[in-house]
Structures are given as C-alpha cells and as structure tokens.
Amino acid sequence: MTDKRFFEPLDHGNGRLHAPATSRNRQPIYEVLREHLPQHGTILELACGTGEHAAFMAPKFKAHHWLPTDLERDHLVSALTWAKYVGASNILTPRKLDVMQVPWPLDTLPSEVTAVLAINLIHIAPVEAMQTLIREAARVLAPGGILYFYGPFKRNGEHTAASNELFDQSLKLRNPRWGVRNLESVADIALRAQFADPDIVEMPANNLSVIFRKL
C-alpha cells in the first residue's frame, strides 16, 4: 500500500526501531485520545510503524487492549519488541494487516474494537486505501467507537501552510497517487459510512487530529 522507502526508521538495537517524529507527536496525540477514546475496548492501530506509539500510550490506557498492525515484518517485530521493553501487558501480539485486503483479520480479539487509529497514513497511500479504510472501520467499530486520523490535511481544497504544500509536492514526486487529502472529502466519505461530523483538533507542525464517532 505504501512505499517502504518513504519510512526509514533508525535501528534502536535489539529489534527496536525508532522514528524521530514519534517522539515529537506522541504526547499531543495521547492528549487528544485521552479526551475522545471510549472507556474500554480494543484500539486498532493501522500502519503502526516502529510500534512506539503503542509502547508510549498503551500503558496509559490500562482499560484498553492495543493491537498494532502493519504490512512490514520488521515493523511488527519492532512493535513486539517495544511492547516487551516497556512491559505493557495490554499490547496484543502485532498482526499483519493490509488496509486494502478486506475483511480485516480481527478474529479472536479480547474485546470489541472501539477505536481505529490511522496516524500519518492516508497521505502516503492511494485514495482508494483511505476510502476502504473508512468503510472497513465503520464495519468493525462498535457503536460510539472512534476513527482517528492524524496528519496534514487541506481545508476547503487549500493547504493550511506553505510547508504542507511543499510536503504534498514531495509526496506526489515519490508517487502520483499519494498526497495530502482534503478534509472535506474525507469527511464526506465518513458521513456516508455512518460516522458523525468530525471533531477537529489543531496539532503542532500544521497537522490535525480528526476524530469521527460511529453512529
């Protein structure tokens, strides 16, 4: 779904990979999730990358299970190794998951899915991946569950910062099917999939948290 070369984390040793951006955005993301997550259930993280978001946040959400998923084996190994490193017993064994392959393999979960997280994902994937993600999230989420997006977005078809416009251009040079998505287009698909209007939170570095709640 994505070009692995776009995401090249540092080797932290012992199978643990490190993405510098995670250190910058994990606290702001945690603060948003703390306000919007349902009280319990399974948190499904798509494209977990290094697994550092789970390692940082899962211990703070002890009433939840956290399931990291990714396409790449080294990312799954890293997520598992980070979970063991921090001793978070509520992080489930990471699973291979391709957003485009439906239905998603979510059998034998210990609790219903109450949150689907897509952090820095939909701009480095084709539009079809975003569309499938929203529809499948609507299928697997319990009523009242949330679909959470984090990353750069256009608003009313316009970039919100010059840096985002340059980033969008660089994405399209790597892959013409990638690009910063228009928030209103994402919301339209989500509304048609039976999500409520989004809550939108301004984040550092011209990013947004966009939270859709399933009706």
N, C-alpha and C. Protein backbone atom coordinates (compact mmCIF):
# COMPACT_ATOMS: atom_id res chain seq x y z
N MET A 1 0.83 -1.21 0.00
CA MET A 1 0.00 0.00 0.00
C MET A 1 0.86 1.26 0.00
N THR A 2 1.98 1.25 0.74
CA THR A 2 2.88 2.38 0.76
C THR A 2 4.26 1.93 0.31
N ASP A 3 5.10 2.91 -0.01
CA ASP A 3 6.48 2.65 -0.39
C ASP A 3 7.31 2.59 0.88
N LYS A 4 7.83 1.41 1.18
CA LYS A 4 8.59 1.23 2.42
C LYS A 4 9.75 2.21 2.51
N ARG A 5 10.33 2.61 1.38
CA ARG A 5 11.49 3.50 1.40
C ARG A 5 11.13 4.87 1.96
N PHE A 6 9.84 5.24 1.93
CA PHE A 6 9.44 6.53 2.46
C PHE A 6 9.62 6.58 3.97
N PHE A 7 9.49 5.42 4.61
CA PHE A 7 9.56 5.36 6.06
C PHE A 7 10.78 4.53 6.42
N GLU A 8 11.84 5.20 6.85
CA GLU A 8 13.09 4.52 7.16
C GLU A 8 13.51 4.85 8.59
N PRO A 9 12.94 4.16 9.57
CA PRO A 9 13.28 4.45 10.96
C PRO A 9 14.70 4.03 11.30
N LEU A 10 15.21 4.58 12.37
CA LEU A 10 16.55 4.26 12.85
C LEU A 10 16.52 2.95 13.62
N ASP A 11 17.61 2.22 13.57
CA ASP A 11 17.72 0.97 14.32
C ASP A 11 18.15 1.29 15.75
N HIS A 12 17.23 1.07 16.68
CA HIS A 12 17.47 1.39 18.09
C HIS A 12 18.18 0.24 18.80
N GLY A 13 18.34 -0.88 18.10
CA GLY A 13 19.01 -2.04 18.68
C GLY A 13 18.03 -3.07 19.20
N ASN A 14 18.42 -4.34 19.14
CA ASN A 14 17.59 -5.43 19.67
C ASN A 14 16.22 -5.51 19.01
N GLY A 15 16.14 -5.13 17.74
CA GLY A 15 14.88 -5.21 17.02
C GLY A 15 13.99 -4.00 17.18
N ARG A 16 14.34 -3.08 18.07
CA ARG A 16 13.53 -1.88 18.29
C ARG A 16 13.93 -0.79 17.30
N LEU A 17 12.98 -0.38 16.47
CA LEU A 17 13.21 0.72 15.54
C LEU A 17 12.73 2.02 16.16
N HIS A 18 13.31 3.11 15.70
CA HIS A 18 12.96 4.42 16.25
C HIS A 18 12.67 5.40 15.12
N ALA A 19 11.49 6.03 15.17
CA ALA A 19 11.13 7.09 14.23
C ALA A 19 11.13 8.42 14.99
N PRO A 20 12.03 9.34 14.66
CA PRO A 20 12.12 10.59 15.41
C PRO A 20 10.80 11.36 15.52
N ALA A 21 9.97 11.29 14.48
CA ALA A 21 8.69 12.02 14.52
C ALA A 21 7.80 11.54 15.65
N THR A 22 7.93 10.26 16.00
CA THR A 22 7.11 9.71 17.07
C THR A 22 7.37 10.42 18.39
N SER A 23 8.63 10.72 18.66
CA SER A 23 8.97 11.40 19.91
C SER A 23 8.34 12.79 19.97
N ARG A 24 8.12 13.40 18.81
CA ARG A 24 7.55 14.75 18.78
C ARG A 24 6.04 14.75 18.87
N ASN A 25 5.39 13.74 18.29
CA ASN A 25 3.92 13.84 18.20
C ASN A 25 3.17 12.95 19.19
N ARG A 26 3.86 12.06 19.88
CA ARG A 26 3.13 11.08 20.70
C ARG A 26 2.39 11.72 21.88
N GLN A 27 2.99 12.72 22.53
CA GLN A 27 2.31 13.35 23.66
C GLN A 27 1.06 14.12 23.20
N PRO A 28 1.16 14.96 22.16
CA PRO A 28 -0.07 15.64 21.69
C PRO A 28 -1.15 14.67 21.24
N ILE A 29 -0.76 13.57 20.58
CA ILE A 29 -1.76 12.58 20.16
C ILE A 29 -2.39 11.93 21.38
N TYR A 30 -1.57 11.57 22.35
CA TYR A 30 -2.10 10.97 23.58
C TYR A 30 -3.13 11.88 24.23
N GLU A 31 -2.85 13.17 24.30
CA GLU A 31 -3.76 14.10 24.96
C GLU A 31 -5.11 14.16 24.25
N VAL A 32 -5.09 14.08 22.92
CA VAL A 32 -6.36 14.06 22.17
C VAL A 32 -7.10 12.75 22.41
N LEU A 33 -6.39 11.63 22.33
CA LEU A 33 -7.05 10.34 22.54
C LEU A 33 -7.63 10.24 23.96
N ARG A 34 -6.93 10.79 24.91
CA ARG A 34 -7.42 10.74 26.30
C ARG A 34 -8.79 11.39 26.43
N GLU A 35 -9.04 12.40 25.59
CA GLU A 35 -10.32 13.11 25.64
C GLU A 35 -11.42 12.44 24.83
N HIS A 36 -11.05 11.59 23.87
CA HIS A 36 -12.04 11.10 22.91
C HIS A 36 -12.23 9.59 22.90
N LEU A 37 -11.31 8.83 23.48
CA LEU A 37 -11.46 7.38 23.45
C LEU A 37 -12.66 6.93 24.28
N PRO A 38 -13.39 5.91 23.82
CA PRO A 38 -14.35 5.25 24.70
C PRO A 38 -13.62 4.69 25.92
N GLN A 39 -14.36 4.33 26.95
CA GLN A 39 -13.74 3.98 28.22
C GLN A 39 -13.00 2.65 28.20
N HIS A 40 -13.31 1.79 27.24
CA HIS A 40 -12.65 0.49 27.19
C HIS A 40 -12.74 -0.05 25.77
N GLY A 41 -12.22 -1.26 25.56
CA GLY A 41 -12.27 -1.89 24.24
C GLY A 41 -10.89 -2.02 23.63
N THR A 42 -10.84 -2.51 22.39
CA THR A 42 -9.59 -2.70 21.66
C THR A 42 -9.31 -1.51 20.76
N ILE A 43 -8.09 -1.01 20.86
CA ILE A 43 -7.62 0.07 19.99
C ILE A 43 -6.84 -0.58 18.84
N LEU A 44 -7.34 -0.43 17.63
CA LEU A 44 -6.70 -0.99 16.44
C LEU A 44 -5.85 0.08 15.79
N GLU A 45 -4.53 -0.11 15.82
CA GLU A 45 -3.62 0.85 15.20
C GLU A 45 -3.18 0.31 13.84
N LEU A 46 -3.51 1.05 12.80
CA LEU A 46 -3.11 0.69 11.43
C LEU A 46 -1.74 1.28 11.12
N ALA A 47 -0.94 0.54 10.34
CA ALA A 47 0.39 1.03 9.94
C ALA A 47 1.16 1.53 11.16
N CYS A 48 1.38 0.64 12.11
CA CYS A 48 1.96 1.02 13.40
C CYS A 48 3.42 1.43 13.29
N GLY A 49 4.08 1.11 12.18
CA GLY A 49 5.48 1.52 12.02
C GLY A 49 6.37 0.87 13.07
N THR A 50 7.07 1.69 13.82
CA THR A 50 8.02 1.17 14.81
C THR A 50 7.34 0.54 16.02
N GLY A 51 6.09 0.88 16.26
CA GLY A 51 5.40 0.41 17.46
C GLY A 51 5.58 1.31 18.66
N GLU A 52 6.21 2.46 18.46
CA GLU A 52 6.49 3.36 19.58
C GLU A 52 5.25 4.07 20.11
N HIS A 53 4.27 4.33 19.27
CA HIS A 53 3.04 4.94 19.78
C HIS A 53 2.36 4.00 20.77
N ALA A 54 2.29 2.73 20.42
CA ALA A 54 1.68 1.75 21.33
C ALA A 54 2.48 1.67 22.62
N ALA A 55 3.81 1.62 22.50
CA ALA A 55 4.65 1.49 23.69
C ALA A 55 4.50 2.68 24.62
N PHE A 56 4.29 3.86 24.07
CA PHE A 56 4.14 5.06 24.89
C PHE A 56 2.74 5.19 25.48
N MET A 57 1.71 4.88 24.67
CA MET A 57 0.35 5.18 25.08
C MET A 57 -0.39 4.03 25.75
N ALA A 58 -0.15 2.80 25.31
CA ALA A 58 -0.91 1.68 25.86
C ALA A 58 -0.81 1.59 27.38
N PRO A 59 0.37 1.79 27.98
CA PRO A 59 0.42 1.73 29.45
C PRO A 59 -0.44 2.79 30.13
N LYS A 60 -0.78 3.85 29.42
CA LYS A 60 -1.61 4.91 29.98
C LYS A 60 -3.11 4.62 29.80
N PHE A 61 -3.44 3.64 28.96
CA PHE A 61 -4.83 3.26 28.71
C PHE A 61 -5.03 1.81 29.18
N LYS A 62 -4.93 1.61 30.47
CA LYS A 62 -4.93 0.26 31.02
C LYS A 62 -6.27 -0.46 30.86
N ALA A 63 -7.35 0.28 30.63
CA ALA A 63 -8.66 -0.36 30.44
C ALA A 63 -8.86 -0.83 29.01
N HIS A 64 -7.88 -0.58 28.17
CA HIS A 64 -7.98 -0.94 26.75
C HIS A 64 -6.96 -2.02 26.40
N HIS A 65 -7.25 -2.74 25.32
CA HIS A 65 -6.26 -3.55 24.63
C HIS A 65 -5.79 -2.74 23.42
N TRP A 66 -4.51 -2.90 23.06
CA TRP A 66 -3.95 -2.15 21.93
C TRP A 66 -3.40 -3.16 20.93
N LEU A 67 -3.91 -3.13 19.70
CA LEU A 67 -3.46 -4.05 18.65
C LEU A 67 -2.70 -3.30 17.58
N PRO A 68 -1.36 -3.40 17.56
CA PRO A 68 -0.58 -2.79 16.47
C PRO A 68 -0.65 -3.69 15.22
N THR A 69 -0.82 -3.08 14.06
CA THR A 69 -0.82 -3.83 12.80
C THR A 69 0.04 -3.10 11.79
N ASP A 70 0.57 -3.85 10.83
CA ASP A 70 1.41 -3.27 9.79
C ASP A 70 1.58 -4.31 8.69
N LEU A 71 2.12 -3.86 7.57
CA LEU A 71 2.42 -4.76 6.46
C LEU A 71 3.81 -5.37 6.56
N GLU A 72 4.74 -4.62 7.16
CA GLU A 72 6.14 -5.00 7.11
C GLU A 72 6.54 -5.84 8.32
N ARG A 73 7.28 -6.93 8.06
CA ARG A 73 7.68 -7.82 9.14
C ARG A 73 8.57 -7.12 10.16
N ASP A 74 9.52 -6.29 9.69
CA ASP A 74 10.42 -5.65 10.64
C ASP A 74 9.69 -4.65 11.53
N HIS A 75 8.61 -4.07 11.02
CA HIS A 75 7.79 -3.19 11.86
C HIS A 75 7.05 -3.99 12.92
N LEU A 76 6.53 -5.14 12.54
CA LEU A 76 5.83 -5.99 13.52
C LEU A 76 6.79 -6.49 14.60
N VAL A 77 7.99 -6.85 14.18
CA VAL A 77 9.00 -7.28 15.15
C VAL A 77 9.34 -6.13 16.10
N SER A 78 9.51 -4.93 15.54
CA SER A 78 9.81 -3.77 16.37
C SER A 78 8.68 -3.48 17.35
N ALA A 79 7.44 -3.55 16.89
CA ALA A 79 6.30 -3.29 17.77
C ALA A 79 6.26 -4.30 18.92
N LEU A 80 6.51 -5.55 18.60
CA LEU A 80 6.51 -6.58 19.63
C LEU A 80 7.65 -6.36 20.62
N THR A 81 8.82 -5.99 20.11
CA THR A 81 9.98 -5.79 20.97
C THR A 81 9.79 -4.58 21.88
N TRP A 82 9.20 -3.50 21.33
CA TRP A 82 8.91 -2.34 22.16
C TRP A 82 7.90 -2.68 23.25
N ALA A 83 6.89 -3.48 22.92
CA ALA A 83 5.88 -3.87 23.92
C ALA A 83 6.53 -4.62 25.08
N LYS A 84 7.45 -5.51 24.74
CA LYS A 84 8.15 -6.26 25.79
C LYS A 84 9.08 -5.33 26.57
N TYR A 85 9.70 -4.39 25.88
CA TYR A 85 10.65 -3.48 26.52
C TYR A 85 9.96 -2.63 27.58
N VAL A 86 8.75 -2.14 27.28
CA VAL A 86 8.04 -1.30 28.26
C VAL A 86 7.17 -2.12 29.20
N GLY A 87 7.04 -3.42 28.94
CA GLY A 87 6.28 -4.28 29.83
C GLY A 87 4.79 -4.01 29.81
N ALA A 88 4.27 -3.63 28.66
CA ALA A 88 2.84 -3.31 28.55
C ALA A 88 2.05 -4.57 28.23
N SER A 89 1.40 -5.14 29.22
CA SER A 89 0.68 -6.41 29.03
C SER A 89 -0.59 -6.24 28.21
N ASN A 90 -1.06 -5.01 28.05
CA ASN A 90 -2.29 -4.80 27.27
C ASN A 90 -2.02 -4.55 25.78
N ILE A 91 -0.75 -4.64 25.35
CA ILE A 91 -0.45 -4.59 23.91
C ILE A 91 -0.55 -6.02 23.37
N LEU A 92 -1.46 -6.22 22.44
CA LEU A 92 -1.65 -7.53 21.85
C LEU A 92 -0.53 -7.84 20.86
N THR A 93 -0.35 -9.12 20.55
CA THR A 93 0.67 -9.51 19.58
C THR A 93 0.41 -8.82 18.24
N PRO A 94 1.37 -8.07 17.72
CA PRO A 94 1.16 -7.35 16.46
C PRO A 94 0.77 -8.30 15.32
N ARG A 95 -0.10 -7.82 14.44
CA ARG A 95 -0.60 -8.63 13.34
C ARG A 95 -0.33 -7.95 12.00
N LYS A 96 -0.10 -8.77 10.99
CA LYS A 96 -0.01 -8.25 9.64
C LYS A 96 -1.40 -7.88 9.15
N LEU A 97 -1.53 -6.68 8.62
CA LEU A 97 -2.82 -6.21 8.11
C LEU A 97 -2.57 -5.25 6.96
N ASP A 98 -3.21 -5.54 5.84
CA ASP A 98 -3.21 -4.66 4.67
C ASP A 98 -4.58 -4.00 4.62
N VAL A 99 -4.61 -2.69 4.74
CA VAL A 99 -5.88 -1.96 4.77
C VAL A 99 -6.76 -2.31 3.59
N MET A 100 -6.13 -2.57 2.43
CA MET A 100 -6.89 -2.81 1.21
C MET A 100 -7.46 -4.23 1.12
N GLN A 101 -6.97 -5.14 1.95
CA GLN A 101 -7.46 -6.52 1.92
C GLN A 101 -8.57 -6.68 2.94
N VAL A 102 -9.78 -6.79 2.48
CA VAL A 102 -10.93 -6.90 3.37
C VAL A 102 -11.58 -8.28 3.24
N PRO A 103 -12.22 -8.76 4.31
CA PRO A 103 -12.32 -8.12 5.63
C PRO A 103 -11.01 -8.16 6.40
N TRP A 104 -10.81 -7.21 7.28
CA TRP A 104 -9.60 -7.19 8.09
C TRP A 104 -9.59 -8.40 9.03
N PRO A 105 -8.42 -9.00 9.26
CA PRO A 105 -8.32 -10.21 10.10
C PRO A 105 -8.33 -9.86 11.59
N LEU A 106 -9.51 -9.73 12.13
CA LEU A 106 -9.65 -9.27 13.51
C LEU A 106 -10.41 -10.27 14.38
N ASP A 107 -10.27 -11.55 14.05
CA ASP A 107 -10.92 -12.55 14.88
C ASP A 107 -10.14 -12.72 16.18
N THR A 108 -10.75 -13.35 17.15
CA THR A 108 -10.17 -13.70 18.45
C THR A 108 -9.63 -12.50 19.22
N LEU A 109 -10.25 -11.34 19.09
CA LEU A 109 -9.85 -10.20 19.91
C LEU A 109 -10.46 -10.33 21.30
N PRO A 110 -9.79 -9.84 22.33
CA PRO A 110 -10.31 -9.98 23.69
C PRO A 110 -11.45 -9.03 24.03
N SER A 111 -11.65 -8.01 23.20
CA SER A 111 -12.74 -7.06 23.43
C SER A 111 -13.11 -6.42 22.10
N GLU A 112 -14.28 -5.79 22.05
CA GLU A 112 -14.74 -5.19 20.81
C GLU A 112 -13.86 -4.00 20.43
N VAL A 113 -13.78 -3.74 19.12
CA VAL A 113 -12.97 -2.62 18.63
C VAL A 113 -13.72 -1.32 18.88
N THR A 114 -13.12 -0.45 19.68
CA THR A 114 -13.76 0.83 19.97
C THR A 114 -12.96 2.02 19.43
N ALA A 115 -11.80 1.75 18.82
CA ALA A 115 -11.04 2.83 18.20
C ALA A 115 -10.18 2.26 17.08
N VAL A 116 -10.14 2.98 15.96
CA VAL A 116 -9.25 2.67 14.85
C VAL A 116 -8.38 3.90 14.64
N LEU A 117 -7.05 3.71 14.70
CA LEU A 117 -6.11 4.82 14.58
C LEU A 117 -5.36 4.73 13.26
N ALA A 118 -5.31 5.84 12.54
CA ALA A 118 -4.53 5.93 11.30
C ALA A 118 -3.66 7.18 11.43
N ILE A 119 -2.44 6.98 11.92
CA ILE A 119 -1.52 8.08 12.19
C ILE A 119 -0.53 8.20 11.04
N ASN A 120 -0.53 9.36 10.39
CA ASN A 120 0.37 9.61 9.25
C ASN A 120 0.28 8.49 8.23
N LEU A 121 -0.92 8.20 7.80
CA LEU A 121 -1.13 7.08 6.88
C LEU A 121 -1.73 7.50 5.55
N ILE A 122 -2.86 8.20 5.56
CA ILE A 122 -3.64 8.32 4.33
C ILE A 122 -2.98 9.21 3.28
N HIS A 123 -2.00 10.02 3.66
CA HIS A 123 -1.32 10.83 2.65
C HIS A 123 -0.20 10.06 1.97
N ILE A 124 0.21 8.92 2.51
CA ILE A 124 1.22 8.09 1.85
C ILE A 124 0.61 6.77 1.39
N ALA A 125 -0.61 6.87 0.88
CA ALA A 125 -1.33 5.73 0.34
C ALA A 125 -2.29 6.25 -0.72
N PRO A 126 -2.74 5.40 -1.64
CA PRO A 126 -3.70 5.85 -2.65
C PRO A 126 -5.03 6.26 -2.01
N VAL A 127 -5.78 7.07 -2.72
CA VAL A 127 -7.10 7.48 -2.23
C VAL A 127 -7.97 6.26 -1.93
N GLU A 128 -7.82 5.21 -2.75
CA GLU A 128 -8.63 4.01 -2.54
C GLU A 128 -8.37 3.39 -1.17
N ALA A 129 -7.16 3.51 -0.67
CA ALA A 129 -6.85 2.98 0.65
C ALA A 129 -7.61 3.74 1.73
N MET A 130 -7.67 5.05 1.60
CA MET A 130 -8.42 5.87 2.56
C MET A 130 -9.90 5.52 2.51
N GLN A 131 -10.44 5.35 1.31
CA GLN A 131 -11.85 5.00 1.18
C GLN A 131 -12.16 3.64 1.79
N THR A 132 -11.31 2.66 1.51
CA THR A 132 -11.50 1.33 2.07
C THR A 132 -11.34 1.35 3.58
N LEU A 133 -10.37 2.10 4.06
CA LEU A 133 -10.13 2.21 5.50
C LEU A 133 -11.38 2.71 6.21
N ILE A 134 -11.98 3.75 5.70
CA ILE A 134 -13.16 4.32 6.35
C ILE A 134 -14.32 3.32 6.35
N ARG A 135 -14.56 2.69 5.23
CA ARG A 135 -15.66 1.73 5.15
C ARG A 135 -15.44 0.54 6.08
N GLU A 136 -14.21 0.03 6.13
CA GLU A 136 -13.93 -1.13 6.96
C GLU A 136 -13.94 -0.75 8.44
N ALA A 137 -13.46 0.44 8.75
CA ALA A 137 -13.54 0.91 10.14
C ALA A 137 -14.99 1.00 10.59
N ALA A 138 -15.86 1.47 9.72
CA ALA A 138 -17.28 1.54 10.06
C ALA A 138 -17.84 0.14 10.33
N ARG A 139 -17.33 -0.84 9.61
CA ARG A 139 -17.82 -2.21 9.80
C ARG A 139 -17.36 -2.80 11.13
N VAL A 140 -16.09 -2.57 11.50
CA VAL A 140 -15.53 -3.26 12.67
C VAL A 140 -15.77 -2.52 13.97
N LEU A 141 -16.02 -1.22 13.92
CA LEU A 141 -16.16 -0.45 15.14
C LEU A 141 -17.50 -0.71 15.83
N ALA A 142 -17.46 -0.76 17.15
CA ALA A 142 -18.68 -0.79 17.93
C ALA A 142 -19.35 0.57 17.87
N PRO A 143 -20.68 0.63 18.03
CA PRO A 143 -21.34 1.94 18.08
C PRO A 143 -20.71 2.84 19.15
N GLY A 144 -20.48 4.09 18.78
CA GLY A 144 -19.83 5.01 19.70
C GLY A 144 -18.32 4.99 19.62
N GLY A 145 -17.76 4.03 18.86
CA GLY A 145 -16.32 3.96 18.68
C GLY A 145 -15.82 5.08 17.78
N ILE A 146 -14.50 5.29 17.79
CA ILE A 146 -13.95 6.41 17.03
C ILE A 146 -12.98 5.93 15.94
N LEU A 147 -12.97 6.68 14.86
CA LEU A 147 -11.97 6.57 13.81
C LEU A 147 -11.12 7.83 13.91
N TYR A 148 -9.83 7.64 14.15
CA TYR A 148 -8.92 8.76 14.42
C TYR A 148 -7.89 8.88 13.31
N PHE A 149 -7.81 10.06 12.70
CA PHE A 149 -6.78 10.39 11.72
C PHE A 149 -5.87 11.46 12.30
N TYR A 150 -4.56 11.30 12.06
CA TYR A 150 -3.60 12.33 12.40
C TYR A 150 -2.70 12.57 11.20
N GLY A 151 -2.47 13.84 10.90
CA GLY A 151 -1.56 14.18 9.81
C GLY A 151 -1.93 15.51 9.20
N PRO A 152 -1.30 15.86 8.08
CA PRO A 152 -1.62 17.10 7.39
C PRO A 152 -2.90 16.93 6.55
N PHE A 153 -3.67 17.99 6.45
CA PHE A 153 -4.88 17.98 5.62
C PHE A 153 -5.01 19.33 4.91
N LYS A 154 -5.60 19.30 3.73
CA LYS A 154 -6.10 20.52 3.11
C LYS A 154 -7.45 20.85 3.75
N ARG A 155 -7.82 22.14 3.71
CA ARG A 155 -9.15 22.55 4.16
C ARG A 155 -9.77 23.40 3.06
N ASN A 156 -10.96 22.99 2.63
CA ASN A 156 -11.63 23.66 1.50
C ASN A 156 -10.74 23.69 0.27
N GLY A 157 -9.98 22.60 0.08
CA GLY A 157 -9.15 22.46 -1.09
C GLY A 157 -7.84 23.22 -1.06
N GLU A 158 -7.54 23.90 0.06
CA GLU A 158 -6.33 24.72 0.15
C GLU A 158 -5.43 24.18 1.26
N HIS A 159 -4.13 24.26 1.02
CA HIS A 159 -3.19 23.89 2.07
C HIS A 159 -3.27 24.89 3.22
N THR A 160 -3.02 24.41 4.42
CA THR A 160 -3.09 25.27 5.60
C THR A 160 -1.75 25.91 5.94
N ALA A 161 -0.70 25.49 5.24
CA ALA A 161 0.63 26.06 5.49
C ALA A 161 1.51 25.80 4.27
N ALA A 162 2.45 26.69 4.05
CA ALA A 162 3.37 26.52 2.92
C ALA A 162 4.17 25.24 3.05
N SER A 163 4.51 24.87 4.28
CA SER A 163 5.28 23.63 4.49
C SER A 163 4.47 22.41 4.07
N ASN A 164 3.17 22.46 4.30
CA ASN A 164 2.32 21.34 3.88
C ASN A 164 2.24 21.24 2.36
N GLU A 165 2.21 22.40 1.71
CA GLU A 165 2.17 22.39 0.24
C GLU A 165 3.44 21.79 -0.32
N LEU A 166 4.60 22.15 0.23
CA LEU A 166 5.86 21.58 -0.21
C LEU A 166 5.91 20.08 0.06
N PHE A 167 5.39 19.67 1.22
CA PHE A 167 5.34 18.26 1.56
C PHE A 167 4.46 17.51 0.57
N ASP A 168 3.32 18.09 0.22
CA ASP A 168 2.41 17.48 -0.75
C ASP A 168 3.11 17.28 -2.09
N GLN A 169 3.85 18.29 -2.52
CA GLN A 169 4.58 18.18 -3.79
C GLN A 169 5.61 17.06 -3.74
N SER A 170 6.30 16.93 -2.60
CA SER A 170 7.31 15.88 -2.47
C SER A 170 6.67 14.49 -2.47
N LEU A 171 5.49 14.39 -1.87
CA LEU A 171 4.78 13.11 -1.89
C LEU A 171 4.42 12.70 -3.31
N LYS A 172 3.90 13.64 -4.07
CA LYS A 172 3.47 13.34 -5.43
C LYS A 172 4.65 13.01 -6.34
N LEU A 173 5.82 13.57 -6.04
CA LEU A 173 7.01 13.20 -6.80
C LEU A 173 7.41 11.75 -6.53
N ARG A 174 7.21 11.30 -5.31
CA ARG A 174 7.51 9.91 -4.96
C ARG A 174 6.49 8.96 -5.57
N ASN A 175 5.23 9.37 -5.51
CA ASN A 175 4.16 8.53 -6.02
C ASN A 175 2.97 9.43 -6.37
N PRO A 176 2.58 9.51 -7.64
CA PRO A 176 1.48 10.40 -8.03
C PRO A 176 0.16 10.08 -7.35
N ARG A 177 0.02 8.90 -6.78
CA ARG A 177 -1.23 8.51 -6.12
C ARG A 177 -1.25 8.92 -4.65
N TRP A 178 -0.13 9.44 -4.16
CA TRP A 178 -0.08 9.94 -2.79
C TRP A 178 -0.47 11.41 -2.76
N GLY A 179 -0.61 11.96 -1.56
CA GLY A 179 -0.86 13.38 -1.44
C GLY A 179 -1.66 13.74 -0.20
N VAL A 180 -1.53 14.98 0.23
CA VAL A 180 -2.29 15.49 1.37
C VAL A 180 -3.76 15.53 0.98
N ARG A 181 -4.60 14.95 1.81
CA ARG A 181 -6.03 14.81 1.48
C ARG A 181 -6.82 16.04 1.91
N ASN A 182 -7.89 16.27 1.18
CA ASN A 182 -8.80 17.35 1.50
C ASN A 182 -9.73 16.90 2.63
N LEU A 183 -9.75 17.62 3.73
CA LEU A 183 -10.51 17.21 4.90
C LEU A 183 -11.99 17.03 4.57
N GLU A 184 -12.53 17.92 3.77
CA GLU A 184 -13.96 17.83 3.46
C GLU A 184 -14.28 16.56 2.66
N SER A 185 -13.36 16.13 1.81
CA SER A 185 -13.57 14.89 1.05
C SER A 185 -13.55 13.68 1.97
N VAL A 186 -12.61 13.67 2.92
CA VAL A 186 -12.54 12.58 3.90
C VAL A 186 -13.82 12.55 4.73
N ALA A 187 -14.26 13.71 5.17
CA ALA A 187 -15.47 13.77 5.99
C ALA A 187 -16.69 13.31 5.22
N ASP A 188 -16.77 13.64 3.94
CA ASP A 188 -17.92 13.21 3.14
C ASP A 188 -18.01 11.70 3.06
N ILE A 189 -16.87 11.05 2.86
CA ILE A 189 -16.86 9.58 2.81
C ILE A 189 -17.26 9.01 4.17
N ALA A 190 -16.73 9.61 5.24
CA ALA A 190 -17.04 9.12 6.59
C ALA A 190 -18.52 9.30 6.92
N LEU A 191 -19.09 10.41 6.54
CA LEU A 191 -20.51 10.63 6.82
C LEU A 191 -21.37 9.61 6.09
N ARG A 192 -21.00 9.29 4.85
CA ARG A 192 -21.75 8.29 4.10
C ARG A 192 -21.57 6.89 4.67
N ALA A 193 -20.51 6.70 5.46
CA ALA A 193 -20.27 5.41 6.11
C ALA A 193 -20.87 5.36 7.52
N GLN A 194 -21.72 6.33 7.83
CA GLN A 194 -22.44 6.37 9.11
C GLN A 194 -21.58 6.80 10.29
N PHE A 195 -20.66 7.72 10.02
CA PHE A 195 -19.96 8.41 11.10
C PHE A 195 -20.58 9.79 11.30
N ALA A 196 -20.42 10.32 12.51
CA ALA A 196 -20.89 11.67 12.80
C ALA A 196 -19.91 12.70 12.25
N ASP A 197 -20.32 13.97 12.27
CA ASP A 197 -19.41 15.04 11.88
C ASP A 197 -18.15 14.97 12.75
N PRO A 198 -17.01 15.30 12.19
CA PRO A 198 -15.76 15.12 12.94
C PRO A 198 -15.52 16.19 13.99
N ASP A 199 -14.81 15.79 15.03
CA ASP A 199 -14.15 16.74 15.92
C ASP A 199 -12.75 16.98 15.34
N ILE A 200 -12.34 18.22 15.30
CA ILE A 200 -11.06 18.58 14.68
C ILE A 200 -10.22 19.33 15.70
N VAL A 201 -9.01 18.87 15.90
CA VAL A 201 -8.10 19.48 16.87
C VAL A 201 -6.83 19.90 16.15
N GLU A 202 -6.48 21.18 16.28
CA GLU A 202 -5.22 21.67 15.71
C GLU A 202 -4.05 21.06 16.48
N MET A 203 -3.05 20.60 15.73
CA MET A 203 -1.90 19.94 16.32
C MET A 203 -0.61 20.67 15.93
N PRO A 204 0.50 20.37 16.61
CA PRO A 204 1.77 21.01 16.23
C PRO A 204 2.17 20.69 14.79
N ALA A 205 3.04 21.52 14.24
CA ALA A 205 3.63 21.32 12.91
C ALA A 205 2.58 21.25 11.81
N ASN A 206 1.49 22.03 11.96
CA ASN A 206 0.46 22.15 10.92
C ASN A 206 -0.25 20.84 10.61
N ASN A 207 -0.37 19.98 11.62
CA ASN A 207 -1.13 18.75 11.49
C ASN A 207 -2.48 18.91 12.18
N LEU A 208 -3.36 17.94 11.93
CA LEU A 208 -4.67 17.92 12.55
C LEU A 208 -4.92 16.54 13.16
N SER A 209 -5.68 16.53 14.24
CA SER A 209 -6.34 15.32 14.69
C SER A 209 -7.79 15.43 14.24
N VAL A 210 -8.27 14.39 13.56
CA VAL A 210 -9.64 14.36 13.06
C VAL A 210 -10.31 13.11 13.62
N ILE A 211 -11.36 13.31 14.40
CA ILE A 211 -11.99 12.21 15.12
C ILE A 211 -13.42 12.05 14.66
N PHE A 212 -13.72 10.89 14.07
CA PHE A 212 -15.07 10.55 13.65
C PHE A 212 -15.64 9.53 14.63
N ARG A 213 -16.85 9.75 15.09
CA ARG A 213 -17.50 8.80 16.00
C ARG A 213 -18.59 8.04 15.25
N LYS A 214 -18.58 6.73 15.40
CA LYS A 214 -19.56 5.90 14.70
C LYS A 214 -20.93 6.06 15.34
N LEU A 215 -21.92 6.28 14.49
CA LEU A 215 -23.30 6.43 14.96
C LEU A 215 -23.89 5.08 15.33
